[in-house]
PDB file of N, CA and C in Angstrom:
ATOM      1  N   MET A   1     -31.372 -34.082  -5.258  1.00  0.00           N
ATOM      2  CA  MET A   1     -32.383 -33.669  -4.251  1.00  0.00           C
ATOM      3  C   MET A   1     -33.617 -34.495  -4.685  1.00  0.00           C
ATOM      4  N   PHE A   2     -34.103 -33.980  -5.980  1.00  0.00           N
ATOM      5  CA  PHE A   2     -35.749 -34.837  -5.888  1.00  0.00           C
ATOM      6  C   PHE A   2     -35.380 -36.045  -7.218  1.00  0.00           C
ATOM      7  N   ARG A   3     -36.312 -37.102  -6.683  1.00  0.00           N
ATOM      8  CA  ARG A   3     -36.735 -38.480  -6.770  1.00  0.00           C
ATOM      9  C   ARG A   3     -37.009 -38.316  -8.111  1.00  0.00           C
ATOM     10  N   TRP A   4     -38.150 -37.247  -7.871  1.00  0.00           N
ATOM     11  CA  TRP A   4     -38.934 -37.445  -8.585  1.00  0.00           C
ATOM     12  C   TRP A   4     -38.848 -36.735  -9.735  1.00  0.00           C
ATOM     13  N   LEU A   5     -40.039 -36.440 -11.029  1.00  0.00           N
ATOM     14  CA  LEU A   5     -39.976 -35.292 -12.123  1.00  0.00           C
ATOM     15  C   LEU A   5     -39.664 -34.084 -11.987  1.00  0.00           C
ATOM     16  N   TYR A   6     -38.975 -32.924 -12.065  1.00  0.00           N
ATOM     17  CA  TYR A   6     -38.863 -31.591 -11.939  1.00  0.00           C
ATOM     18  C   TYR A   6     -38.430 -31.862 -12.839  1.00  0.00           C
ATOM     19  N   LEU A   7     -38.624 -30.523 -13.802  1.00  0.00           N
ATOM     20  CA  LEU A   7     -37.939 -29.872 -15.210  1.00  0.00           C
ATOM     21  C   LEU A   7     -37.363 -28.088 -14.674  1.00  0.00           C
ATOM     22  N   TYR A   8     -36.651 -28.011 -15.540  1.00  0.00           N
ATOM     23  CA  TYR A   8     -36.287 -26.648 -15.349  1.00  0.00           C
ATOM     24  C   TYR A   8     -35.607 -26.471 -16.335  1.00  0.00           C
ATOM     25  N   VAL A   9     -36.208 -25.491 -17.274  1.00  0.00           N
ATOM     26  CA  VAL A   9     -35.020 -25.489 -18.649  1.00  0.00           C
ATOM     27  C   VAL A   9     -36.721 -23.502 -18.778  1.00  0.00           C
ATOM     28  N   ASP A  10     -35.920 -23.293 -20.323  1.00  0.00           N
ATOM     29  CA  ASP A  10     -36.671 -22.673 -20.606  1.00  0.00           C
ATOM     30  C   ASP A  10     -38.377 -22.226 -21.019  1.00  0.00           C
ATOM     31  N   SER A  11     -39.126 -21.158 -20.883  1.00  0.00           N
ATOM     32  CA  SER A  11     -40.378 -21.009 -20.844  1.00  0.00           C
ATOM     33  C   SER A  11     -40.808 -21.291 -22.238  1.00  0.00           C
ATOM     34  N   GLY A  12     -41.984 -21.666 -22.826  1.00  0.00           N
ATOM     35  CA  GLY A  12     -42.199 -22.274 -23.603  1.00  0.00           C
ATOM     36  C   GLY A  12     -41.669 -23.022 -24.229  1.00  0.00           C
ATOM     37  N   THR A  13     -41.190 -24.579 -23.051  1.00  0.00           N
ATOM     38  CA  THR A  13     -40.877 -25.407 -23.916  1.00  0.00           C
ATOM     39  C   THR A  13     -41.610 -26.853 -23.286  1.00  0.00           C
ATOM     40  N   GLY A  14     -43.053 -26.846 -23.068  1.00  0.00           N
ATOM     41  CA  GLY A  14     -43.746 -27.324 -23.298  1.00  0.00           C
ATOM     42  C   GLY A  14     -43.453 -28.391 -21.168  1.00  0.00           C
ATOM     43  N   LYS A  15     -42.912 -27.642 -20.739  1.00  0.00           N
ATOM     44  CA  LYS A  15     -43.106 -28.407 -19.281  1.00  0.00           C
ATOM     45  C   LYS A  15     -44.243 -28.709 -18.526  1.00  0.00           C
ATOM     46  N   THR A  16     -45.390 -27.317 -18.746  1.00  0.00           N
ATOM     47  CA  THR A  16     -46.647 -27.230 -18.208  1.00  0.00           C
ATOM     48  C   THR A  16     -47.798 -28.256 -19.143  1.00  0.00           C
ATOM     49  N   THR A  17     -47.439 -28.630 -20.385  1.00  0.00           N
ATOM     50  CA  THR A  17     -47.867 -29.485 -21.108  1.00  0.00           C
ATOM     51  C   THR A  17     -47.760 -30.723 -21.084  1.00  0.00           C
ATOM     52  N   LEU A  18     -46.370 -31.213 -20.980  1.00  0.00           N
ATOM     53  CA  LEU A  18     -46.295 -32.141 -20.515  1.00  0.00           C
ATOM     54  C   LEU A  18     -47.027 -32.596 -18.659  1.00  0.00           C
ATOM     55  N   GLY A  19     -46.894 -32.010 -18.220  1.00  0.00           N
ATOM     56  CA  GLY A  19     -47.140 -32.049 -16.643  1.00  0.00           C
ATOM     57  C   GLY A  19     -48.703 -32.440 -16.638  1.00  0.00           C
ATOM     58  N   ARG A  20     -49.402 -32.384 -17.878  1.00  0.00           N
ATOM     59  CA  ARG A  20     -51.379 -31.770 -18.223  1.00  0.00           C
ATOM     60  C   ARG A  20     -51.123 -33.465 -18.472  1.00  0.00           C
ATOM     61  N   ILE A  21     -50.320 -33.783 -19.877  1.00  0.00           N
ATOM     62  CA  ILE A  21     -50.429 -34.838 -20.213  1.00  0.00           C
ATOM     63  C   ILE A  21     -50.112 -36.132 -19.373  1.00  0.00           C
ATOM     64  N   VAL A  22     -49.748 -35.886 -18.323  1.00  0.00           N
ATOM     65  CA  VAL A  22     -49.539 -37.118 -17.200  1.00  0.00           C
ATOM     66  C   VAL A  22     -50.890 -37.025 -16.202  1.00  0.00           C
ATOM     67  N   LEU A  23     -50.874 -36.122 -16.042  1.00  0.00           N
ATOM     68  CA  LEU A  23     -52.359 -35.570 -15.659  1.00  0.00           C
ATOM     69  C   LEU A  23     -53.243 -36.502 -15.794  1.00  0.00           C
ATOM     70  N   LYS A  24     -53.898 -36.439 -17.291  1.00  0.00           N
ATOM     71  CA  LYS A  24     -54.806 -36.696 -18.343  1.00  0.00           C
ATOM     72  C   LYS A  24     -54.351 -38.325 -18.176  1.00  0.00           C
ATOM     73  N   MET A  25     -53.286 -39.210 -17.950  1.00  0.00           N
ATOM     74  CA  MET A  25     -52.442 -40.121 -17.804  1.00  0.00           C
ATOM     75  C   MET A  25     -53.795 -40.719 -17.113  1.00  0.00           C
ATOM     76  N   TRP A  26     -53.559 -40.168 -15.791  1.00  0.00           N
ATOM     77  CA  TRP A  26     -54.145 -40.598 -14.054  1.00  0.00           C
ATOM     78  C   TRP A  26     -55.749 -40.399 -14.740  1.00  0.00           C
ATOM     79  N   GLU A  27     -56.178 -39.832 -15.863  1.00  0.00           N
ATOM     80  CA  GLU A  27     -57.500 -39.340 -15.145  1.00  0.00           C
ATOM     81  C   GLU A  27     -58.017 -38.470 -14.397  1.00  0.00           C
ATOM     82  N   LEU A  28     -57.288 -37.399 -14.120  1.00  0.00           N
ATOM     83  CA  LEU A  28     -57.143 -36.245 -13.662  1.00  0.00           C
ATOM     84  C   LEU A  28     -57.911 -34.443 -14.225  1.00  0.00           C
ATOM     85  N   ASP A  29     -58.246 -34.272 -13.508  1.00  0.00           N
ATOM     86  CA  ASP A  29     -58.711 -33.114 -14.340  1.00  0.00           C
ATOM     87  C   ASP A  29     -58.288 -31.881 -13.366  1.00  0.00           C
ATOM     88  N   THR A  30     -58.188 -30.416 -13.807  1.00  0.00           N
ATOM     89  CA  THR A  30     -57.644 -29.468 -13.244  1.00  0.00           C
ATOM     90  C   THR A  30     -57.436 -29.140 -11.624  1.00  0.00           C
ATOM     91  N   ARG A  31     -57.927 -29.600 -11.077  1.00  0.00           N
ATOM     92  CA  ARG A  31     -57.796 -29.237  -8.931  1.00  0.00           C
ATOM     93  C   ARG A  31     -56.985 -29.864  -9.161  1.00  0.00           C
ATOM     94  N   TYR A  32     -56.390 -31.137  -9.555  1.00  0.00           N
ATOM     95  CA  TYR A  32     -54.833 -31.408  -9.075  1.00  0.00           C
ATOM     96  C   TYR A  32     -53.978 -30.808  -9.830  1.00  0.00           C
ATOM     97  N   GLU A  33     -53.671 -29.365 -10.497  1.00  0.00           N
ATOM     98  CA  GLU A  33     -52.693 -28.134 -10.993  1.00  0.00           C
ATOM     99  C   GLU A  33     -52.784 -27.120 -10.162  1.00  0.00           C
ATOM    100  N   LYS A  34     -51.733 -27.146  -9.424  1.00  0.00           N
ATOM    101  CA  LYS A  34     -51.253 -26.174  -8.535  1.00  0.00           C
ATOM    102  C   LYS A  34     -50.455 -24.966  -8.917  1.00  0.00           C
ATOM    103  N   THR A  35     -50.376 -23.345  -7.996  1.00  0.00           N
ATOM    104  CA  THR A  35     -49.014 -22.694  -8.120  1.00  0.00           C
ATOM    105  C   THR A  35     -48.179 -23.040  -7.445  1.00  0.00           C
ATOM    106  N   GLY A  36     -47.097 -22.733  -7.712  1.00  0.00           N
ATOM    107  CA  GLY A  36     -46.011 -22.744  -6.846  1.00  0.00           C
ATOM    108  C   GLY A  36     -46.282 -22.177  -5.670  1.00  0.00           C
ATOM    109  N   THR A  37     -46.700 -20.629  -5.319  1.00  0.00           N
ATOM    110  CA  THR A  37     -47.487 -19.623  -4.496  1.00  0.00           C
ATOM    111  C   THR A  37     -48.755 -21.252  -3.613  1.00  0.00           C
ATOM    112  N   SER A  38     -49.131 -22.263  -4.485  1.00  0.00           N
ATOM    113  CA  SER A  38     -50.188 -23.409  -3.151  1.00  0.00           C
ATOM    114  C   SER A  38     -49.646 -23.716  -2.244  1.00  0.00           C
ATOM    115  N   ILE A  39     -47.935 -23.943  -1.826  1.00  0.00           N
ATOM    116  CA  ILE A  39     -46.486 -24.761  -1.050  1.00  0.00           C
ATOM    117  C   ILE A  39     -46.231 -24.219  -0.548  1.00  0.00           C
ATOM    118  N   ASP A  40     -46.080 -23.055  -0.274  1.00  0.00           N
ATOM    119  CA  ASP A  40     -44.726 -21.810  -0.338  1.00  0.00           C
ATOM    120  C   ASP A  40     -44.859 -21.840   1.054  1.00  0.00           C
ATOM    121  N   THR A  41     -45.784 -22.541   1.997  1.00  0.00           N
ATOM    122  CA  THR A  41     -45.461 -22.366   3.716  1.00  0.00           C
ATOM    123  C   THR A  41     -45.968 -23.773   4.060  1.00  0.00           C
ATOM    124  N   PRO A  42     -45.829 -24.207   5.059  1.00  0.00           N
ATOM    125  CA  PRO A  42     -45.604 -25.380   5.563  1.00  0.00           C
ATOM    126  C   PRO A  42     -47.461 -25.235   5.604  1.00  0.00           C
ATOM    127  N   ALA A  43     -48.476 -24.915   6.242  1.00  0.00           N
ATOM    128  CA  ALA A  43     -49.231 -24.824   6.316  1.00  0.00           C
ATOM    129  C   ALA A  43     -50.033 -25.344   4.627  1.00  0.00           C
ATOM    130  N   ARG A  44     -49.624 -24.875   3.272  1.00  0.00           N
ATOM    131  CA  ARG A  44     -50.442 -24.771   2.397  1.00  0.00           C
ATOM    132  C   ARG A  44     -50.042 -26.019   2.023  1.00  0.00           C
ATOM    133  N   PHE A  45     -48.726 -26.331   2.033  1.00  0.00           N
ATOM    134  CA  PHE A  45     -47.994 -27.715   1.123  1.00  0.00           C
ATOM    135  C   PHE A  45     -48.556 -28.741   2.093  1.00  0.00           C
ATOM    136  N   GLY A  46     -48.798 -29.002   3.380  1.00  0.00           N
ATOM    137  CA  GLY A  46     -49.667 -29.823   4.181  1.00  0.00           C
ATOM    138  C   GLY A  46     -51.226 -29.705   3.351  1.00  0.00           C
ATOM    139  N   TYR A  47     -51.814 -29.191   3.312  1.00  0.00           N
ATOM    140  CA  TYR A  47     -53.455 -29.074   2.383  1.00  0.00           C
ATOM    141  C   TYR A  47     -53.344 -29.799   1.200  1.00  0.00           C
ATOM    142  N   VAL A  48     -52.254 -29.494   0.451  1.00  0.00           N
ATOM    143  CA  VAL A  48     -52.325 -30.015  -1.107  1.00  0.00           C
ATOM    144  C   VAL A  48     -51.519 -30.965  -1.008  1.00  0.00           C
ATOM    145  N   VAL A  49     -50.757 -31.889  -0.237  1.00  0.00           N
ATOM    146  CA  VAL A  49     -50.855 -32.974  -0.462  1.00  0.00           C
ATOM    147  C   VAL A  49     -51.675 -33.598   0.628  1.00  0.00           C
ATOM    148  N   SER A  50     -52.660 -33.183   1.779  1.00  0.00           N
ATOM    149  CA  SER A  50     -53.875 -33.710   2.403  1.00  0.00           C
ATOM    150  C   SER A  50     -55.044 -34.402   1.314  1.00  0.00           C
ATOM    151  N   MET A  51     -54.729 -33.609   0.633  1.00  0.00           N
ATOM    152  CA  MET A  51     -56.158 -33.911  -0.376  1.00  0.00           C
ATOM    153  C   MET A  51     -55.970 -34.948  -0.938  1.00  0.00           C
ATOM    154  N   SER A  52     -55.216 -35.499  -1.706  1.00  0.00           N
ATOM    155  CA  SER A  52     -55.569 -36.741  -2.678  1.00  0.00           C
ATOM    156  C   SER A  52     -53.978 -37.148  -2.374  1.00  0.00           C
ATOM    157  N   THR A  53     -54.361 -39.045  -2.622  1.00  0.00           N
ATOM    158  CA  THR A  53     -53.038 -39.206  -3.149  1.00  0.00           C
ATOM    159  C   THR A  53     -52.405 -39.731  -4.535  1.00  0.00           C
ATOM    160  N   PHE A  54     -52.884 -39.169  -5.590  1.00  0.00           N
ATOM    161  CA  PHE A  54     -52.686 -39.127  -6.927  1.00  0.00           C
ATOM    162  C   PHE A  54     -51.831 -37.812  -6.679  1.00  0.00           C
ATOM    163  N   PRO A  55     -50.636 -37.952  -7.956  1.00  0.00           N
ATOM    164  CA  PRO A  55     -49.840 -36.620  -8.274  1.00  0.00           C
ATOM    165  C   PRO A  55     -50.240 -35.202  -8.451  1.00  0.00           C
ATOM    166  N   VAL A  56     -49.657 -34.541  -7.259  1.00  0.00           N
ATOM    167  CA  VAL A  56     -50.088 -33.207  -7.977  1.00  0.00           C
ATOM    168  C   VAL A  56     -48.932 -32.514  -9.221  1.00  0.00           C
ATOM    169  N   LEU A  57     -49.421 -31.299 -10.471  1.00  0.00           N
ATOM    170  CA  LEU A  57     -48.735 -30.390 -11.262  1.00  0.00           C
ATOM    171  C   LEU A  57     -48.894 -29.408 -10.167  1.00  0.00           C
ATOM    172  N   VAL A  58     -47.269 -28.724  -9.780  1.00  0.00           N
ATOM    173  CA  VAL A  58     -46.958 -27.687  -9.622  1.00  0.00           C
ATOM    174  C   VAL A  58     -46.274 -26.794 -10.784  1.00  0.00           C
ATOM    175  N   ASN A  59     -46.897 -25.931 -10.595  1.00  0.00           N
ATOM    176  CA  ASN A  59     -46.393 -24.707 -11.883  1.00  0.00           C
ATOM    177  C   ASN A  59     -45.797 -23.859 -11.325  1.00  0.00           C
ATOM    178  N   GLU A  60     -44.492 -23.536 -11.739  1.00  0.00           N
ATOM    179  CA  GLU A  60     -43.194 -22.276 -11.163  1.00  0.00           C
ATOM    180  C   GLU A  60     -43.232 -22.417  -9.831  1.00  0.00           C
ATOM    181  N   PRO A  61     -42.218 -23.848  -9.689  1.00  0.00           N
ATOM    182  CA  PRO A  61     -42.161 -23.983  -7.639  1.00  0.00           C
ATOM    183  C   PRO A  61     -41.713 -23.426  -7.198  1.00  0.00           C
ATOM    184  N   GLY A  62     -40.701 -22.404  -8.102  1.00  0.00           N
ATOM    185  CA  GLY A  62     -39.437 -22.123  -7.453  1.00  0.00           C
ATOM    186  C   GLY A  62     -39.343 -21.424  -6.205  1.00  0.00           C
ATOM    187  N   GLY A  63     -40.537 -19.996  -5.816  1.00  0.00           N
ATOM    188  CA  GLY A  63     -40.735 -19.463  -4.837  1.00  0.00           C
ATOM    189  C   GLY A  63     -40.489 -20.579  -3.812  1.00  0.00           C
ATOM    190  N   ALA A  64     -41.531 -21.918  -4.049  1.00  0.00           N
ATOM    191  CA  ALA A  64     -41.572 -22.247  -2.691  1.00  0.00           C
ATOM    192  C   ALA A  64     -40.519 -23.264  -2.500  1.00  0.00           C
ATOM    193  N   LEU A  65     -39.412 -23.413  -3.484  1.00  0.00           N
ATOM    194  CA  LEU A  65     -37.695 -24.637  -3.217  1.00  0.00           C
ATOM    195  C   LEU A  65     -37.187 -23.938  -2.868  1.00  0.00           C
ATOM    196  N   VAL A  66     -36.756 -22.928  -2.722  1.00  0.00           N
ATOM    197  CA  VAL A  66     -36.030 -21.971  -2.163  1.00  0.00           C
ATOM    198  C   VAL A  66     -36.713 -21.142  -0.535  1.00  0.00           C
ATOM    199  N   ARG A  67     -37.337 -22.228   0.064  1.00  0.00           N
ATOM    200  CA  ARG A  67     -37.517 -21.995   1.291  1.00  0.00           C
ATOM    201  C   ARG A  67     -37.544 -23.691   2.438  1.00  0.00           C
ATOM    202  N   GLU A  68     -36.376 -23.298   2.891  1.00  0.00           N
ATOM    203  CA  GLU A  68     -35.892 -24.700   2.833  1.00  0.00           C
ATOM    204  C   GLU A  68     -36.833 -25.958   4.161  1.00  0.00           C
ATOM    205  N   GLU A  69     -37.928 -25.258   4.682  1.00  0.00           N
ATOM    206  CA  GLU A  69     -38.888 -26.181   5.780  1.00  0.00           C
ATOM    207  C   GLU A  69     -39.864 -27.108   4.550  1.00  0.00           C
ATOM    208  N   ILE A  70     -40.218 -25.989   3.351  1.00  0.00           N
ATOM    209  CA  ILE A  70     -40.539 -26.652   2.173  1.00  0.00           C
ATOM    210  C   ILE A  70     -39.734 -27.723   1.751  1.00  0.00           C
ATOM    211  N   VAL A  71     -38.398 -27.575   1.382  1.00  0.00           N
ATOM    212  CA  VAL A  71     -38.283 -28.625   0.347  1.00  0.00           C
ATOM    213  C   VAL A  71     -37.998 -29.751   1.380  1.00  0.00           C
ATOM    214  N   GLU A  72     -37.791 -29.804   2.706  1.00  0.00           N
ATOM    215  CA  GLU A  72     -37.212 -30.914   3.497  1.00  0.00           C
ATOM    216  C   GLU A  72     -38.588 -31.911   3.588  1.00  0.00           C
ATOM    217  N   MET A  73     -40.002 -30.728   3.978  1.00  0.00           N
ATOM    218  CA  MET A  73     -40.796 -31.301   3.767  1.00  0.00           C
ATOM    219  C   MET A  73     -41.249 -32.229   2.439  1.00  0.00           C
ATOM    220  N   ILE A  74     -40.990 -31.807   1.471  1.00  0.00           N
ATOM    221  CA  ILE A  74     -41.231 -32.420  -0.029  1.00  0.00           C
ATOM    222  C   ILE A  74     -40.168 -33.867   0.413  1.00  0.00           C
ATOM    223  N   LYS A  75     -39.466 -33.873   0.655  1.00  0.00           N
ATOM    224  CA  LYS A  75     -38.336 -34.884   0.710  1.00  0.00           C
ATOM    225  C   LYS A  75     -38.577 -35.846   1.997  1.00  0.00           C
ATOM    226  N   ASN A  76     -39.139 -35.368   2.626  1.00  0.00           N
ATOM    227  CA  ASN A  76     -39.845 -36.683   3.968  1.00  0.00           C
ATOM    228  C   ASN A  76     -41.026 -37.000   3.408  1.00  0.00           C
ATOM    229  N   SER A  77     -42.050 -36.338   2.868  1.00  0.00           N
ATOM    230  CA  SER A  77     -43.256 -37.407   2.074  1.00  0.00           C
ATOM    231  C   SER A  77     -42.853 -38.455   1.120  1.00  0.00           C
ATOM    232  N   ALA A  78     -42.329 -37.578   0.057  1.00  0.00           N
ATOM    233  CA  ALA A  78     -41.715 -38.736  -1.149  1.00  0.00           C
ATOM    234  C   ALA A  78     -41.047 -40.139  -0.675  1.00  0.00           C
ATOM    235  N   ASP A  79     -39.975 -40.173   1.002  1.00  0.00           N
ATOM    236  CA  ASP A  79     -39.712 -41.286   1.099  1.00  0.00           C
ATOM    237  C   ASP A  79     -40.971 -42.160   2.140  1.00  0.00           C
ATOM    238  N   SER A  80     -41.673 -41.110   2.680  1.00  0.00           N
ATOM    239  CA  SER A  80     -42.467 -42.004   4.404  1.00  0.00           C
ATOM    240  C   SER A  80     -44.408 -41.382   3.727  1.00  0.00           C
ATOM    241  N   THR A  81     -44.873 -41.959   4.848  1.00  0.00           N
ATOM    242  CA  THR A  81     -46.302 -41.357   4.699  1.00  0.00           C
ATOM    243  C   THR A  81     -46.234 -40.630   5.679  1.00  0.00           C
ATOM    244  N   THR A  82     -45.689 -39.633   5.641  1.00  0.00           N
ATOM    245  CA  THR A  82     -45.589 -38.701   6.584  1.00  0.00           C
ATOM    246  C   THR A  82     -45.578 -37.417   6.014  1.00  0.00           C
ATOM    247  N   ALA A  83     -45.756 -36.658   5.643  1.00  0.00           N
ATOM    248  CA  ALA A  83     -45.207 -35.505   4.849  1.00  0.00           C
ATOM    249  C   ALA A  83     -44.200 -34.176   6.274  1.00  0.00           C
ATOM    250  N   MET A  84     -45.292 -34.178   7.955  1.00  0.00           N
ATOM    251  CA  MET A  84     -44.391 -33.909   8.577  1.00  0.00           C
ATOM    252  C   MET A  84     -44.686 -34.648  10.222  1.00  0.00           C
ATOM    253  N   GLY A  85     -43.910 -34.711  10.798  1.00  0.00           N
ATOM    254  CA  GLY A  85     -44.183 -34.533  12.001  1.00  0.00           C
ATOM    255  C   GLY A  85     -44.003 -33.804  13.002  1.00  0.00           C
ATOM    256  N   GLU A  86     -44.151 -34.699  14.271  1.00  0.00           N
ATOM    257  CA  GLU A  86     -44.360 -34.389  15.997  1.00  0.00           C
ATOM    258  C   GLU A  86     -43.681 -35.136  16.219  1.00  0.00           C
ATOM    259  N   VAL A  87     -41.896 -33.954  16.926  1.00  0.00           N
ATOM    260  CA  VAL A  87     -41.090 -35.136  18.196  1.00  0.00           C
ATOM    261  C   VAL A  87     -41.506 -34.579  19.883  1.00  0.00           C
ATOM    262  N   ARG A  88     -41.890 -34.892  20.276  1.00  0.00           N
ATOM    263  CA  ARG A  88     -42.530 -35.104  21.431  1.00  0.00           C
ATOM    264  C   ARG A  88     -41.170 -35.886  22.457  1.00  0.00           C
TER     265      ARG A  88
END
């Protein structure tokens, strides 16, 4: 489903540490580290992705990924320059 990195293994295995290493490689600070609840509604997701063009580390996104509209917005934003559009 996702063409980018989504780690799903037991706790304590270094997933967050790996994500933080990637942020450091981009010279990004903790402003680019979010929780899953920061993207669990379309408005929150839109706010997070509109803040920057750089990668964002989302810890524990499971609750957001059970919502179909969030999954669709993520898939669309990965394939185009807009996360959500309006059909008229």
